């Protein structure tokens, strides 16, 4: 496994008869075994960057360098579970030879890791939104990817479930020692989760922040984090003013 280096990444889409630029030259280094957060307003290119990095789309120009193996898994805003499969079956879905003993053992391990013990035989319709996202995360982890790409996975959850899932993700990341690229438009969520924050605006990296202190010891009511939040808001407001 290893990190990812993005150099001069550009992407546009054809909308009717005109070209709409989405990414206009992204440069970003994404370290391994950490949570890197892509933060920005709606429509700034966050999801496009995630999809390009994860191999779901091709860039117009630029380069994505993978240091080591390149196995990615995605967790989306919607869990995208198979409604006719149980929790265990959803987690095993897509694994080669899913009846093999090692895959079944891996599924049981991940079920315990994400807190789904006792729900192995439940169907998605019988689960809460938070439990469905735990299942989606477990399915991604079962694949043993080099990177997990998470596209606003908690955005549809209520406030309290979202906070719980943020803490669960931090615990799972420590347990699995996995690498995560996480998209959000919530500054608080970025400060809670991120080891590294990349603030995106108008298709470019506006600013990067590195948070050295362990996530479990962070208090967003501390003066330092209040000031950091103000600084990020200032970055985004400055970019919006510059674009007017």
C-alpha atoms as a PDB file:
ATOM      1  CA  UNK A   1       0.000   0.000   0.000  1.00  0.00           C
ATOM      2  CA  UNK A   2       0.997   3.665  -0.235  1.00  0.00           C
ATOM      3  CA  UNK A   3      -0.223   7.192  -0.737  1.00  0.00           C
ATOM      4  CA  UNK A   4      -1.584   9.019  -3.757  1.00  0.00           C
ATOM      5  CA  UNK A   5      -0.116  12.052  -5.521  1.00  0.00           C
ATOM      6  CA  UNK A   6      -2.331  14.174  -7.778  1.00  0.00           C
ATOM      7  CA  UNK A   7      -0.637  16.537 -10.235  1.00  0.00           C
ATOM      8  CA  UNK A   8      -2.352  19.153 -12.397  1.00  0.00           C
ATOM      9  CA  UNK A   9      -5.656  17.280 -12.582  1.00  0.00           C
ATOM     10  CA  UNK A  10      -8.275  18.816 -14.886  1.00  0.00           C
ATOM     11  CA  UNK A  11     -11.787  17.728 -15.756  1.00  0.00           C
ATOM     12  CA  UNK A  12     -14.606  19.321 -17.757  1.00  0.00           C
ATOM     13  CA  UNK A  13     -18.065  18.151 -18.791  1.00  0.00           C
ATOM     14  CA  UNK A  14     -20.001  18.906 -21.941  1.00  0.00           C
ATOM     15  CA  UNK A  15     -23.281  20.640 -21.063  1.00  0.00           C
ATOM     16  CA  UNK A  16     -25.391  21.112 -24.178  1.00  0.00           C
ATOM     17  CA  UNK A  17     -23.043  22.995 -26.527  1.00  0.00           C
ATOM     18  CA  UNK A  18     -20.581  24.348 -24.006  1.00  0.00           C
ATOM     19  CA  UNK A  19     -17.762  22.996 -21.902  1.00  0.00           C
ATOM     20  CA  UNK A  20     -18.156  23.271 -18.129  1.00  0.00           C
ATOM     21  CA  UNK A  21     -14.819  23.169 -16.251  1.00  0.00           C
ATOM     22  CA  UNK A  22     -15.081  21.360 -12.910  1.00  0.00           C
ATOM     23  CA  UNK A  23     -11.455  20.776 -11.903  1.00  0.00           C
ATOM     24  CA  UNK A  24      -9.003  23.358 -13.178  1.00  0.00           C
ATOM     25  CA  UNK A  25      -5.657  22.064 -11.941  1.00  0.00           C
ATOM     26  CA  UNK A  26      -5.693  20.029  -8.726  1.00  0.00           C
ATOM     27  CA  UNK A  27      -2.398  19.330  -6.956  1.00  0.00           C
ATOM     28  CA  UNK A  28      -2.705  17.220  -3.816  1.00  0.00           C
ATOM     29  CA  UNK A  29      -0.803  14.568  -1.879  1.00  0.00           C
ATOM     30  CA  UNK A  30      -2.940  12.030  -0.014  1.00  0.00           C
ATOM     31  CA  UNK A  31      -1.018  10.103   2.664  1.00  0.00           C
ATOM     32  CA  UNK A  32      -1.685   6.468   3.498  1.00  0.00           C
ATOM     33  CA  UNK A  33      -3.182   5.186   6.767  1.00  0.00           C
ATOM     34  CA  UNK A  34      -4.848   8.515   7.491  1.00  0.00           C
ATOM     35  CA  UNK A  35      -8.155  10.254   6.843  1.00  0.00           C
ATOM     36  CA  UNK A  36      -7.761  12.978   4.229  1.00  0.00           C
ATOM     37  CA  UNK A  37     -10.828  15.213   3.946  1.00  0.00           C
ATOM     38  CA  UNK A  38     -11.868  17.076   0.802  1.00  0.00           C
ATOM     39  CA  UNK A  39     -13.891  20.050   2.045  1.00  0.00           C
ATOM     40  CA  UNK A  40     -15.837  22.587   0.024  1.00  0.00           C
ATOM     41  CA  UNK A  41     -19.165  24.020  -1.023  1.00  0.00           C
ATOM     42  CA  UNK A  42     -21.684  22.099  -3.091  1.00  0.00           C
ATOM     43  CA  UNK A  43     -20.650  22.095  -6.740  1.00  0.00           C
ATOM     44  CA  UNK A  44     -16.964  22.864  -6.156  1.00  0.00           C
ATOM     45  CA  UNK A  45     -15.724  19.581  -7.667  1.00  0.00           C
ATOM     46  CA  UNK A  46     -15.299  17.448  -4.528  1.00  0.00           C
ATOM     47  CA  UNK A  47     -17.141  14.385  -5.782  1.00  0.00           C
ATOM     48  CA  UNK A  48     -15.552  14.631  -9.225  1.00  0.00           C
ATOM     49  CA  UNK A  49     -12.107  14.617  -7.603  1.00  0.00           C
ATOM     50  CA  UNK A  50     -13.066  11.586  -5.516  1.00  0.00           C
ATOM     51  CA  UNK A  51     -14.396   9.683  -8.534  1.00  0.00           C
ATOM     52  CA  UNK A  52     -11.290  10.460 -10.599  1.00  0.00           C
ATOM     53  CA  UNK A  53      -8.982   9.401  -7.784  1.00  0.00           C
ATOM     54  CA  UNK A  54     -10.938   6.192  -7.276  1.00  0.00           C
ATOM     55  CA  UNK A  55     -10.923   5.323 -10.969  1.00  0.00           C
ATOM     56  CA  UNK A  56     -14.638   5.753 -11.698  1.00  0.00           C
ATOM     57  CA  UNK A  57     -13.932   8.493 -14.250  1.00  0.00           C
ATOM     58  CA  UNK A  58     -11.026   9.633 -16.413  1.00  0.00           C
ATOM     59  CA  UNK A  59      -9.409  13.063 -16.156  1.00  0.00           C
ATOM     60  CA  UNK A  60      -8.965  15.286 -19.207  1.00  0.00           C
ATOM     61  CA  UNK A  61      -5.351  15.924 -18.231  1.00  0.00           C
ATOM     62  CA  UNK A  62      -3.022  15.665 -15.270  1.00  0.00           C
ATOM     63  CA  UNK A  63      -1.711  12.676 -13.395  1.00  0.00           C
ATOM     64  CA  UNK A  64      -2.684  10.453 -10.465  1.00  0.00           C
ATOM     65  CA  UNK A  65       0.246   8.504  -9.040  1.00  0.00           C
ATOM     66  CA  UNK A  66      -0.401   5.543  -6.759  1.00  0.00           C
ATOM     67  CA  UNK A  67       2.479   4.568  -4.489  1.00  0.00           C
ATOM     68  CA  UNK A  68       1.910   0.843  -4.228  1.00  0.00           C
ATOM     69  CA  UNK A  69      -1.191  -1.234  -4.881  1.00  0.00           C
ATOM     70  CA  UNK A  70      -4.323   0.450  -6.218  1.00  0.00           C
ATOM     71  CA  UNK A  71      -7.420  -1.218  -4.806  1.00  0.00           C
ATOM     72  CA  UNK A  72     -10.221   1.207  -4.021  1.00  0.00           C
ATOM     73  CA  UNK A  73     -13.646   0.761  -2.485  1.00  0.00           C
ATOM     74  CA  UNK A  74     -16.447   3.330  -2.331  1.00  0.00           C
ATOM     75  CA  UNK A  75     -18.972   4.297   0.340  1.00  0.00           C
ATOM     76  CA  UNK A  76     -21.612   6.679  -1.015  1.00  0.00           C
ATOM     77  CA  UNK A  77     -24.182   8.955   0.598  1.00  0.00           C
ATOM     78  CA  UNK A  78     -26.769   6.219  -0.008  1.00  0.00           C
ATOM     79  CA  UNK A  79     -25.775   2.786   1.363  1.00  0.00           C
ATOM     80  CA  UNK A  80     -26.570   1.079  -1.984  1.00  0.00           C
ATOM     81  CA  UNK A  81     -27.180  -2.293  -0.350  1.00  0.00           C
ATOM     82  CA  UNK A  82     -28.848  -5.218  -2.083  1.00  0.00           C
ATOM     83  CA  UNK A  83     -32.312  -5.286  -0.450  1.00  0.00           C
ATOM     84  CA  UNK A  84     -32.743  -9.043  -0.974  1.00  0.00           C
ATOM     85  CA  UNK A  85     -29.459  -9.869   0.790  1.00  0.00           C
ATOM     86  CA  UNK A  86     -28.777 -10.015   4.520  1.00  0.00           C
ATOM     87  CA  UNK A  87     -26.095  -7.946   6.247  1.00  0.00           C
ATOM     88  CA  UNK A  88     -23.607 -10.811   5.992  1.00  0.00           C
ATOM     89  CA  UNK A  89     -24.486 -11.484   2.357  1.00  0.00           C
ATOM     90  CA  UNK A  90     -24.122  -7.799   1.453  1.00  0.00           C
ATOM     91  CA  UNK A  91     -20.686  -7.721   3.045  1.00  0.00           C
ATOM     92  CA  UNK A  92     -19.636 -10.830   1.134  1.00  0.00           C
ATOM     93  CA  UNK A  93     -21.128  -9.550  -2.116  1.00  0.00           C
ATOM     94  CA  UNK A  94     -18.482  -8.993  -4.743  1.00  0.00           C
ATOM     95  CA  UNK A  95     -15.738 -10.957  -3.017  1.00  0.00           C
ATOM     96  CA  UNK A  96     -14.286 -13.672  -5.187  1.00  0.00           C
ATOM     97  CA  UNK A  97     -15.211 -17.094  -3.920  1.00  0.00           C
ATOM     98  CA  UNK A  98     -17.527 -15.658  -1.290  1.00  0.00           C
ATOM     99  CA  UNK A  99     -18.177 -19.106   0.176  1.00  0.00           C
ATOM    100  CA  UNK A 100     -14.496 -19.599   0.943  1.00  0.00           C
ATOM    101  CA  UNK A 101     -13.672 -19.993   4.608  1.00  0.00           C
ATOM    102  CA  UNK A 102     -11.274 -17.024   4.702  1.00  0.00           C
ATOM    103  CA  UNK A 103     -13.914 -14.698   3.244  1.00  0.00           C
ATOM    104  CA  UNK A 104     -16.539 -15.841   5.733  1.00  0.00           C
ATOM    105  CA  UNK A 105     -14.015 -15.342   8.520  1.00  0.00           C
ATOM    106  CA  UNK A 106     -13.194 -11.853   7.221  1.00  0.00           C
ATOM    107  CA  UNK A 107     -16.888 -10.973   7.093  1.00  0.00           C
ATOM    108  CA  UNK A 108     -17.381 -12.030  10.718  1.00  0.00           C
ATOM    109  CA  UNK A 109     -14.330 -10.012  11.759  1.00  0.00           C
ATOM    110  CA  UNK A 110     -15.611  -6.882  10.002  1.00  0.00           C
ATOM    111  CA  UNK A 111     -19.123  -7.355  11.398  1.00  0.00           C
ATOM    112  CA  UNK A 112     -17.625  -7.195  14.896  1.00  0.00           C
ATOM    113  CA  UNK A 113     -15.401  -4.251  13.980  1.00  0.00           C
ATOM    114  CA  UNK A 114     -18.256  -2.039  12.758  1.00  0.00           C
ATOM    115  CA  UNK A 115     -20.631  -3.021  15.566  1.00  0.00           C
ATOM    116  CA  UNK A 116     -23.091  -5.168  13.605  1.00  0.00           C
ATOM    117  CA  UNK A 117     -22.901  -8.298  15.754  1.00  0.00           C
ATOM    118  CA  UNK A 118     -26.384  -9.715  16.176  1.00  0.00           C
ATOM    119  CA  UNK A 119     -27.601  -8.205  12.895  1.00  0.00           C
ATOM    120  CA  UNK A 120     -25.881 -10.615  10.504  1.00  0.00           C
ATOM    121  CA  UNK A 121     -29.156 -12.065   9.222  1.00  0.00           C
ATOM    122  CA  UNK A 122     -31.078  -8.780   9.085  1.00  0.00           C
ATOM    123  CA  UNK A 123     -32.154  -7.288   5.757  1.00  0.00           C
ATOM    124  CA  UNK A 124     -31.517  -3.607   4.843  1.00  0.00           C
ATOM    125  CA  UNK A 125     -35.193  -2.682   5.313  1.00  0.00           C
ATOM    126  CA  UNK A 126     -34.919  -3.848   8.926  1.00  0.00           C
ATOM    127  CA  UNK A 127     -31.963  -1.547   9.674  1.00  0.00           C
ATOM    128  CA  UNK A 128     -31.749   2.112  10.648  1.00  0.00           C
ATOM    129  CA  UNK A 129     -29.908   4.546   8.383  1.00  0.00           C
ATOM    130  CA  UNK A 130     -26.837   4.368  10.597  1.00  0.00           C
ATOM    131  CA  UNK A 131     -26.839   0.563  10.568  1.00  0.00           C
ATOM    132  CA  UNK A 132     -27.177   0.552   6.788  1.00  0.00           C
ATOM    133  CA  UNK A 133     -24.108   2.787   6.491  1.00  0.00           C
ATOM    134  CA  UNK A 134     -22.199   0.522   8.873  1.00  0.00           C
ATOM    135  CA  UNK A 135     -23.020  -2.328   6.496  1.00  0.00           C
ATOM    136  CA  UNK A 136     -21.831  -0.291   3.502  1.00  0.00           C
ATOM    137  CA  UNK A 137     -18.577   0.505   5.329  1.00  0.00           C
ATOM    138  CA  UNK A 138     -18.138  -3.150   6.279  1.00  0.00           C
ATOM    139  CA  UNK A 139     -18.627  -4.185   2.647  1.00  0.00           C
ATOM    140  CA  UNK A 140     -15.875  -1.754   1.619  1.00  0.00           C
ATOM    141  CA  UNK A 141     -13.503  -2.958   4.351  1.00  0.00           C
ATOM    142  CA  UNK A 142     -14.041  -6.631   3.504  1.00  0.00           C
ATOM    143  CA  UNK A 143     -12.400  -6.000   0.128  1.00  0.00           C
ATOM    144  CA  UNK A 144      -9.156  -4.974   1.923  1.00  0.00           C
ATOM    145  CA  UNK A 145      -8.731  -1.899  -0.300  1.00  0.00           C
ATOM    146  CA  UNK A 146      -5.656   0.296  -0.336  1.00  0.00           C
ATOM    147  CA  UNK A 147      -8.008   3.313  -0.135  1.00  0.00           C
ATOM    148  CA  UNK A 148     -11.650   3.778   0.862  1.00  0.00           C
ATOM    149  CA  UNK A 149     -13.369   6.624  -0.997  1.00  0.00           C
ATOM    150  CA  UNK A 150     -16.250   8.093   1.047  1.00  0.00           C
ATOM    151  CA  UNK A 151     -18.626  10.557  -0.627  1.00  0.00           C
ATOM    152  CA  UNK A 152     -20.544  12.407   2.129  1.00  0.00           C
ATOM    153  CA  UNK A 153     -21.598   9.071   3.670  1.00  0.00           C
ATOM    154  CA  UNK A 154     -23.248  10.614   6.743  1.00  0.00           C
ATOM    155  CA  UNK A 155     -25.003  13.570   5.099  1.00  0.00           C
ATOM    156  CA  UNK A 156     -28.455  11.947   5.126  1.00  0.00           C
ATOM    157  CA  UNK A 157     -28.288  10.917   8.798  1.00  0.00           C
ATOM    158  CA  UNK A 158     -29.770  12.854  11.705  1.00  0.00           C
ATOM    159  CA  UNK A 159     -27.421  14.910  13.878  1.00  0.00           C
ATOM    160  CA  UNK A 160     -27.000  12.367  16.667  1.00  0.00           C
ATOM    161  CA  UNK A 161     -26.548   9.362  14.370  1.00  0.00           C
ATOM    162  CA  UNK A 162     -24.072  11.356  12.302  1.00  0.00           C
ATOM    163  CA  UNK A 163     -21.961  12.125  15.378  1.00  0.00           C
ATOM    164  CA  UNK A 164     -22.065   8.465  16.393  1.00  0.00           C
ATOM    165  CA  UNK A 165     -20.983   7.333  12.932  1.00  0.00           C
ATOM    166  CA  UNK A 166     -18.116   9.829  12.883  1.00  0.00           C
ATOM    167  CA  UNK A 167     -16.752   8.317  16.088  1.00  0.00           C
ATOM    168  CA  UNK A 168     -17.326   4.812  14.732  1.00  0.00           C
ATOM    169  CA  UNK A 169     -15.366   5.669  11.593  1.00  0.00           C
ATOM    170  CA  UNK A 170     -12.448   6.956  13.662  1.00  0.00           C
ATOM    171  CA  UNK A 171     -12.448   3.771  15.727  1.00  0.00           C
ATOM    172  CA  UNK A 172     -12.631   1.553  12.637  1.00  0.00           C
ATOM    173  CA  UNK A 173      -9.836   3.502  10.938  1.00  0.00           C
ATOM    174  CA  UNK A 174      -7.578   2.955  13.950  1.00  0.00           C
ATOM    175  CA  UNK A 175      -8.494  -0.731  14.181  1.00  0.00           C
ATOM    176  CA  UNK A 176      -8.014  -1.465  10.476  1.00  0.00           C
ATOM    177  CA  UNK A 177      -5.185   1.067   9.959  1.00  0.00           C
ATOM    178  CA  UNK A 178      -6.819   1.943   6.646  1.00  0.00           C
ATOM    179  CA  UNK A 179      -6.459   4.898   4.268  1.00  0.00           C
ATOM    180  CA  UNK A 180      -9.556   7.037   3.670  1.00  0.00           C
ATOM    181  CA  UNK A 181     -10.385   9.890   1.299  1.00  0.00           C
ATOM    182  CA  UNK A 182     -13.525  11.562   2.682  1.00  0.00           C
ATOM    183  CA  UNK A 183     -15.698  14.205   0.993  1.00  0.00           C
ATOM    184  CA  UNK A 184     -17.840  16.620   3.026  1.00  0.00           C
ATOM    185  CA  UNK A 185     -19.231  20.155   2.964  1.00  0.00           C
ATOM    186  CA  UNK A 186     -19.326  20.266   6.796  1.00  0.00           C
ATOM    187  CA  UNK A 187     -16.417  22.114   8.399  1.00  0.00           C
ATOM    188  CA  UNK A 188     -17.161  20.515  11.776  1.00  0.00           C
ATOM    189  CA  UNK A 189     -17.094  17.030  10.254  1.00  0.00           C
ATOM    190  CA  UNK A 190     -13.796  17.808   8.531  1.00  0.00           C
ATOM    191  CA  UNK A 191     -12.243  18.985  11.806  1.00  0.00           C
ATOM    192  CA  UNK A 192     -13.527  15.934  13.689  1.00  0.00           C
ATOM    193  CA  UNK A 193     -12.283  13.352  11.180  1.00  0.00           C
ATOM    194  CA  UNK A 194      -9.394  14.725   9.184  1.00  0.00           C
ATOM    195  CA  UNK A 195      -5.682  14.212   9.638  1.00  0.00           C
ATOM    196  CA  UNK A 196      -5.343  16.379   6.542  1.00  0.00           C
ATOM    197  CA  UNK A 197      -7.883  18.832   5.104  1.00  0.00           C
ATOM    198  CA  UNK A 198      -7.909  20.063   1.515  1.00  0.00           C
ATOM    199  CA  UNK A 199     -10.236  23.036   1.029  1.00  0.00           C
ATOM    200  CA  UNK A 200     -11.500  22.988  -2.574  1.00  0.00           C
ATOM    201  CA  UNK A 201     -13.027  25.940  -4.383  1.00  0.00           C
ATOM    202  CA  UNK A 202     -13.705  26.543  -8.069  1.00  0.00           C
ATOM    203  CA  UNK A 203     -11.860  23.433  -9.135  1.00  0.00           C
ATOM    204  CA  UNK A 204      -8.626  24.054  -7.237  1.00  0.00           C
ATOM    205  CA  UNK A 205      -7.126  23.372  -3.817  1.00  0.00           C
ATOM    206  CA  UNK A 206      -7.590  26.676  -2.024  1.00  0.00           C
ATOM    207  CA  UNK A 207      -5.670  25.682   1.117  1.00  0.00           C
ATOM    208  CA  UNK A 208      -4.437  22.635   3.020  1.00  0.00           C
ATOM    209  CA  UNK A 209      -4.439  22.018   6.768  1.00  0.00           C
ATOM    210  CA  UNK A 210      -2.685  19.270   8.733  1.00  0.00           C
ATOM    211  CA  UNK A 211      -4.089  18.369  12.165  1.00  0.00           C
ATOM    212  CA  UNK A 212      -1.422  16.704  14.268  1.00  0.00           C
ATOM    213  CA  UNK A 213      -3.417  15.989  17.436  1.00  0.00           C
ATOM    214  CA  UNK A 214      -5.289  12.660  17.692  1.00  0.00           C
ATOM    215  CA  UNK A 215      -8.893  12.930  16.545  1.00  0.00           C
ATOM    216  CA  UNK A 216     -10.244  11.358  19.742  1.00  0.00           C
ATOM    217  CA  UNK A 217      -8.742  14.218  21.798  1.00  0.00           C
ATOM    218  CA  UNK A 218     -10.179  17.064  19.733  1.00  0.00           C
ATOM    219  CA  UNK A 219     -12.758  19.420  21.188  1.00  0.00           C
ATOM    220  CA  UNK A 220     -14.344  21.728  18.627  1.00  0.00           C
ATOM    221  CA  UNK A 221     -15.249  24.146  21.435  1.00  0.00           C
ATOM    222  CA  UNK A 222     -11.565  24.785  22.165  1.00  0.00           C
ATOM    223  CA  UNK A 223     -10.376  28.219  21.096  1.00  0.00           C
ATOM    224  CA  UNK A 224      -7.914  26.716  18.608  1.00  0.00           C
ATOM    225  CA  UNK A 225     -10.611  24.863  16.693  1.00  0.00           C
ATOM    226  CA  UNK A 226     -12.994  27.811  16.803  1.00  0.00           C
ATOM    227  CA  UNK A 227     -10.265  29.951  15.261  1.00  0.00           C
ATOM    228  CA  UNK A 228      -9.452  27.260  12.694  1.00  0.00           C
ATOM    229  CA  UNK A 229     -13.113  27.051  11.694  1.00  0.00           C
ATOM    230  CA  UNK A 230     -13.214  30.833  11.252  1.00  0.00           C
ATOM    231  CA  UNK A 231     -10.099  30.640   9.099  1.00  0.00           C
ATOM    232  CA  UNK A 232     -11.647  27.989   6.835  1.00  0.00           C
ATOM    233  CA  UNK A 233     -14.866  30.003   6.527  1.00  0.00           C
ATOM    234  CA  UNK A 234     -12.692  32.977   5.605  1.00  0.00           C
ATOM    235  CA  UNK A 235     -10.938  30.912   2.935  1.00  0.00           C
ATOM    236  CA  UNK A 236     -14.258  29.976   1.350  1.00  0.00           C
ATOM    237  CA  UNK A 237     -15.765  33.451   1.616  1.00  0.00           C
ATOM    238  CA  UNK A 238     -12.632  34.970   0.096  1.00  0.00           C
ATOM    239  CA  UNK A 239     -12.823  32.547  -2.808  1.00  0.00           C
ATOM    240  CA  UNK A 240     -16.509  33.335  -3.351  1.00  0.00           C
ATOM    241  CA  UNK A 241     -15.824  37.080  -3.346  1.00  0.00           C
ATOM    242  CA  UNK A 242     -12.933  36.653  -5.774  1.00  0.00           C
ATOM    243  CA  UNK A 243     -15.200  34.782  -8.165  1.00  0.00           C
ATOM    244  CA  UNK A 244     -17.911  37.436  -8.292  1.00  0.00           C
END
